[in-house]
Amino acid sequence: MACINCKTNFEGQFCPSCGEKKDIERITFGSMIESVFSGFVNMDKGLLFNIKNLTLYPQKTILQYIKGKRKYILSPISYAIVTISVYIIITSLLKKAPSELKVGLGKLGEQGELGRFQQMGYKTGGFLIEKLKYFWLLQAVFLSVFSKLFFKRFNFFEHLAINSFIVGHATLVAIIVRIFYRGEIIVFNFLVFIYMIFLMYKVFGKTNNKFETITMSSLIVLFAYILFMGLPFTIANYIS
């Protein structure tokens, strides 16, 4: 038969040219639901495959993806977007108005012009910190800038793929902490950054120089965090 996708004539169940199946099932409501559901819960590919293998075999999984073994792995950018989206949704569902913040702002407002100025700065800082989670994916870009400088083994976009995996997987730590300890936000979650250092060490680690790799990984995460936190406040200060 001729392949419906690339028109190659073949025998058997799959096209040897593009891999398309011989028997194409019609799209139904049930098949659409099954396709979406299997993409998330299938342990042999997709989201859960990433979670399982990045947890158990981070170095092997990431380096195999860089080398071209990508069939069953959810792409790094997609993985980071999914985990960050889940974190944002959970944060929104668990969000509570902090009474301490309201009381603090009220007291500042009672202190005249200076108090109102401080109140405005307090509100601006709180607003920026609250909104930083929507830009958390940029952390992968900042990490890549410094990891490319420290570890020159790959090109920048390969570093971006590696660090998207790292940011996406470290976000799972933020999700777990957020569920059980609602006051912790991702940009101040110490465990997230420790885990990012660990994942970077696993990917770039050398058996003959572990201390150097840990030190460099720590500096990369630190510099990227300073850039990530400093940039919006610098822009806000410039605009004001």
Protein backbone atom coordinates (compact mmCIF):
# COMPACT_ATOMS: atom_id res chain seq x y z
CA MET A 1 0.00 0.00 0.00
CA ALA A 2 1.02 3.64 -0.38
CA CYS A 3 1.74 5.54 2.83
CA ILE A 4 -0.94 8.13 3.50
CA ASN A 5 1.71 10.51 4.82
CA CYS A 6 4.67 10.33 2.39
CA LYS A 7 3.22 8.15 -0.45
CA THR A 8 5.98 5.52 -0.11
CA ASN A 9 4.87 2.03 -1.19
CA PHE A 10 5.46 -0.53 1.55
CA GLU A 11 4.34 -3.81 3.12
CA GLY A 12 3.78 -4.45 6.81
CA GLN A 13 2.30 -2.36 9.61
CA PHE A 14 4.56 0.72 9.45
CA CYS A 15 5.99 2.86 6.66
CA PRO A 16 9.80 2.37 6.49
CA SER A 17 10.25 5.97 5.36
CA CYS A 18 8.28 8.02 7.91
CA GLY A 19 6.97 5.44 10.41
CA GLU A 20 3.27 6.09 9.75
CA LYS A 21 0.95 3.21 10.70
CA LYS A 22 -0.76 1.15 8.02
CA ASP A 23 -4.17 1.21 9.67
CA ILE A 24 -5.27 4.74 10.53
CA GLU A 25 -8.05 4.92 13.10
CA ARG A 26 -10.75 7.53 12.69
CA ILE A 27 -10.69 10.41 15.12
CA THR A 28 -13.45 10.17 17.69
CA PHE A 29 -14.15 11.84 21.01
CA GLY A 30 -12.86 8.75 22.78
CA SER A 31 -9.64 8.63 20.74
CA MET A 32 -8.97 12.32 21.43
CA ILE A 33 -9.42 11.86 25.19
CA GLU A 34 -7.25 8.74 25.13
CA SER A 35 -4.52 10.57 23.20
CA VAL A 36 -4.40 13.49 25.65
CA PHE A 37 -4.60 11.24 28.70
CA SER A 38 -1.94 8.81 27.47
CA GLY A 39 0.41 11.71 26.77
CA PHE A 40 0.38 12.56 30.46
CA VAL A 41 0.20 9.18 32.20
CA ASN A 42 2.18 6.92 29.88
CA MET A 43 5.33 5.88 31.76
CA ASP A 44 7.06 4.96 28.48
CA LYS A 45 6.76 8.38 26.84
CA GLY A 46 5.65 11.94 27.52
CA LEU A 47 5.34 13.77 30.82
CA LEU A 48 5.56 10.85 33.25
CA PHE A 49 8.45 9.38 31.27
CA ASN A 50 10.31 12.66 31.82
CA ILE A 51 9.46 12.77 35.51
CA LYS A 52 10.52 9.16 36.09
CA ASN A 53 13.74 9.26 34.08
CA LEU A 54 14.87 12.76 35.08
CA THR A 55 14.44 11.72 38.72
CA LEU A 56 16.20 8.36 38.44
CA TYR A 57 18.63 8.95 35.56
CA PRO A 58 19.01 12.72 35.01
CA GLN A 59 22.42 12.60 33.33
CA LYS A 60 21.58 9.70 31.03
CA THR A 61 18.18 11.10 30.04
CA ILE A 62 19.39 14.64 29.30
CA LEU A 63 22.57 13.63 27.47
CA GLN A 64 20.74 11.04 25.37
CA TYR A 65 18.27 13.76 24.36
CA ILE A 66 21.16 16.06 23.37
CA LYS A 67 22.73 13.23 21.34
CA GLY A 68 19.48 12.65 19.44
CA LYS A 69 17.50 10.01 21.33
CA ARG A 70 14.25 11.99 21.58
CA LYS A 71 11.41 9.73 20.48
CA TYR A 72 9.74 9.16 23.85
CA ILE A 73 10.96 12.25 25.71
CA LEU A 74 8.78 15.32 26.11
CA SER A 75 10.82 18.23 24.73
CA PRO A 76 12.63 20.34 27.36
CA ILE A 77 10.76 23.57 26.62
CA SER A 78 7.39 21.77 26.67
CA TYR A 79 8.32 20.00 29.89
CA ALA A 80 9.31 23.26 31.57
CA ILE A 81 6.14 25.01 30.37
CA VAL A 82 3.94 22.16 31.67
CA THR A 83 5.53 22.02 35.13
CA ILE A 84 5.60 25.81 35.50
CA SER A 85 1.95 26.00 34.40
CA VAL A 86 1.02 23.38 37.01
CA TYR A 87 2.90 25.38 39.64
CA ILE A 88 1.09 28.61 38.67
CA ILE A 89 -2.30 26.87 38.76
CA ILE A 90 -1.63 25.31 42.18
CA THR A 91 -0.32 28.64 43.49
CA SER A 92 -3.48 30.39 42.31
CA LEU A 93 -5.71 27.77 43.92
CA LEU A 94 -3.85 27.93 47.24
CA LYS A 95 -3.39 31.70 47.26
CA LYS A 96 -4.47 33.48 50.43
CA ALA A 97 -4.36 37.18 51.20
CA PRO A 98 -1.53 37.62 53.72
CA SER A 99 -2.93 39.53 56.69
CA GLU A 100 0.59 40.47 57.82
CA LEU A 101 1.16 42.32 54.56
CA LYS A 102 -2.09 44.26 54.92
CA VAL A 103 -1.30 45.24 58.48
CA GLY A 104 2.21 46.32 57.49
CA LEU A 105 0.96 48.45 54.62
CA GLY A 106 -1.67 50.00 56.86
CA LYS A 107 0.94 51.05 59.41
CA LEU A 108 3.14 52.55 56.72
CA GLY A 109 0.20 54.52 55.38
CA GLU A 110 -0.31 56.10 58.79
CA GLN A 111 3.21 57.57 58.82
CA GLY A 112 2.56 60.48 56.46
CA GLU A 113 4.24 61.21 53.13
CA LEU A 114 7.32 59.08 53.85
CA GLY A 115 5.11 56.22 54.94
CA ARG A 116 3.06 56.45 51.75
CA PHE A 117 6.28 56.41 49.69
CA GLN A 118 7.47 53.32 51.58
CA GLN A 119 4.04 51.79 51.15
CA MET A 120 4.27 52.30 47.39
CA GLY A 121 7.72 50.70 47.30
CA TYR A 122 6.47 47.81 49.44
CA LYS A 123 3.54 47.23 47.12
CA THR A 124 5.75 47.44 44.02
CA GLY A 125 8.23 44.95 45.46
CA GLY A 126 5.46 42.58 46.46
CA PHE A 127 3.85 42.88 43.03
CA LEU A 128 7.12 42.13 41.23
CA ILE A 129 7.91 39.14 43.42
CA GLU A 130 4.39 37.79 42.97
CA LYS A 131 4.58 38.12 39.17
CA LEU A 132 8.07 36.65 38.82
CA LYS A 133 6.63 33.14 38.67
CA TYR A 134 5.20 33.96 35.24
CA PHE A 135 8.73 34.58 33.98
CA TRP A 136 10.32 31.60 35.71
CA LEU A 137 11.09 29.99 32.34
CA LEU A 138 13.61 32.81 31.74
CA GLN A 139 15.71 31.19 34.46
CA ALA A 140 16.66 28.56 31.87
CA VAL A 141 17.98 31.30 29.58
CA PHE A 142 20.04 32.91 32.35
CA LEU A 143 21.38 29.52 33.45
CA SER A 144 22.39 28.79 29.87
CA VAL A 145 24.35 32.04 29.57
CA PHE A 146 26.53 31.08 32.52
CA SER A 147 26.66 27.31 31.96
CA LYS A 148 27.95 28.00 28.44
CA LEU A 149 30.70 30.14 29.97
CA PHE A 150 31.68 27.56 32.60
CA PHE A 151 31.03 24.34 30.67
CA LYS A 152 31.96 24.77 27.00
CA ARG A 153 31.08 21.24 25.94
CA PHE A 154 27.86 22.13 24.06
CA ASN A 155 26.55 25.04 22.00
CA PHE A 156 24.23 27.62 23.56
CA PHE A 157 20.98 26.03 22.36
CA GLU A 158 22.04 22.64 23.69
CA HIS A 159 22.71 24.36 27.01
CA LEU A 160 19.24 25.91 26.75
CA ALA A 161 17.71 22.45 26.28
CA ILE A 162 19.67 21.09 29.25
CA ASN A 163 18.67 23.96 31.50
CA SER A 164 15.03 23.81 30.41
CA PHE A 165 15.02 20.22 31.65
CA ILE A 166 16.68 21.37 34.88
CA VAL A 167 14.28 24.27 35.49
CA GLY A 168 11.26 22.15 34.58
CA HIS A 169 12.26 19.30 36.87
CA ALA A 170 13.27 21.58 39.75
CA THR A 171 9.84 23.20 39.49
CA LEU A 172 8.40 19.86 40.66
CA VAL A 173 10.15 20.50 43.98
CA ALA A 174 8.45 23.90 44.16
CA ILE A 175 5.09 22.25 43.46
CA ILE A 176 5.53 19.73 46.27
CA VAL A 177 6.70 22.38 48.73
CA ARG A 178 3.89 24.73 47.69
CA ILE A 179 1.27 22.08 48.40
CA PHE A 180 2.56 21.21 51.86
CA TYR A 181 3.93 24.63 52.84
CA ARG A 182 1.77 27.30 51.27
CA GLY A 183 3.87 30.30 52.27
CA GLU A 184 6.86 29.35 50.10
CA ILE A 185 7.12 30.89 46.61
CA ILE A 186 9.41 29.53 43.93
CA VAL A 187 11.89 32.42 43.75
CA PHE A 188 12.66 32.04 47.49
CA ASN A 189 12.54 28.25 47.66
CA PHE A 190 16.00 27.17 48.80
CA LEU A 191 15.34 23.52 47.94
CA VAL A 192 14.61 24.40 44.31
CA PHE A 193 18.04 25.93 43.84
CA ILE A 194 19.81 23.13 45.68
CA TYR A 195 18.12 20.65 43.36
CA MET A 196 19.09 22.73 40.32
CA ILE A 197 22.73 22.61 41.45
CA PHE A 198 22.43 18.83 41.93
CA LEU A 199 20.95 18.29 38.45
CA MET A 200 23.58 20.49 36.82
CA TYR A 201 26.30 18.60 38.65
CA LYS A 202 24.84 15.28 37.45
CA VAL A 203 24.79 16.45 33.83
CA PHE A 204 28.20 18.10 33.69
CA GLY A 205 29.89 16.16 36.48
CA LYS A 206 33.30 14.60 36.00
CA THR A 207 34.37 11.70 38.18
CA ASN A 208 37.91 13.04 38.45
CA ASN A 209 36.97 16.53 39.63
CA LYS A 210 33.70 16.51 41.57
CA PHE A 211 34.50 19.52 43.78
CA GLU A 212 35.21 21.76 40.79
CA THR A 213 31.96 20.76 39.09
CA ILE A 214 29.90 21.35 42.24
CA THR A 215 31.54 24.76 42.71
CA MET A 216 30.94 25.79 39.09
CA SER A 217 27.34 24.52 39.20
CA SER A 218 26.71 26.51 42.38
CA LEU A 219 28.14 29.68 40.84
CA ILE A 220 26.06 29.24 37.69
CA VAL A 221 22.84 28.92 39.69
CA LEU A 222 23.82 31.86 41.92
CA PHE A 223 24.69 34.20 39.04
CA ALA A 224 21.55 33.25 37.12
CA TYR A 225 19.42 33.89 40.22
CA ILE A 226 21.00 37.32 40.78
CA LEU A 227 20.32 38.24 37.16
CA PHE A 228 16.77 36.88 37.29
CA MET A 229 15.92 38.77 40.49
CA GLY A 230 17.86 41.92 39.71
CA LEU A 231 16.65 42.59 36.19
CA PRO A 232 12.94 43.35 36.90
CA PHE A 233 13.77 45.53 39.91
CA THR A 234 16.33 47.44 37.84
CA ILE A 235 13.76 47.99 35.10
CA ALA A 236 11.10 49.05 37.61
CA ASN A 237 13.51 51.46 39.28
CA TYR A 238 14.50 52.93 35.89
CA ILE A 239 10.86 53.42 34.85
CA SER A 240 9.90 55.02 38.15
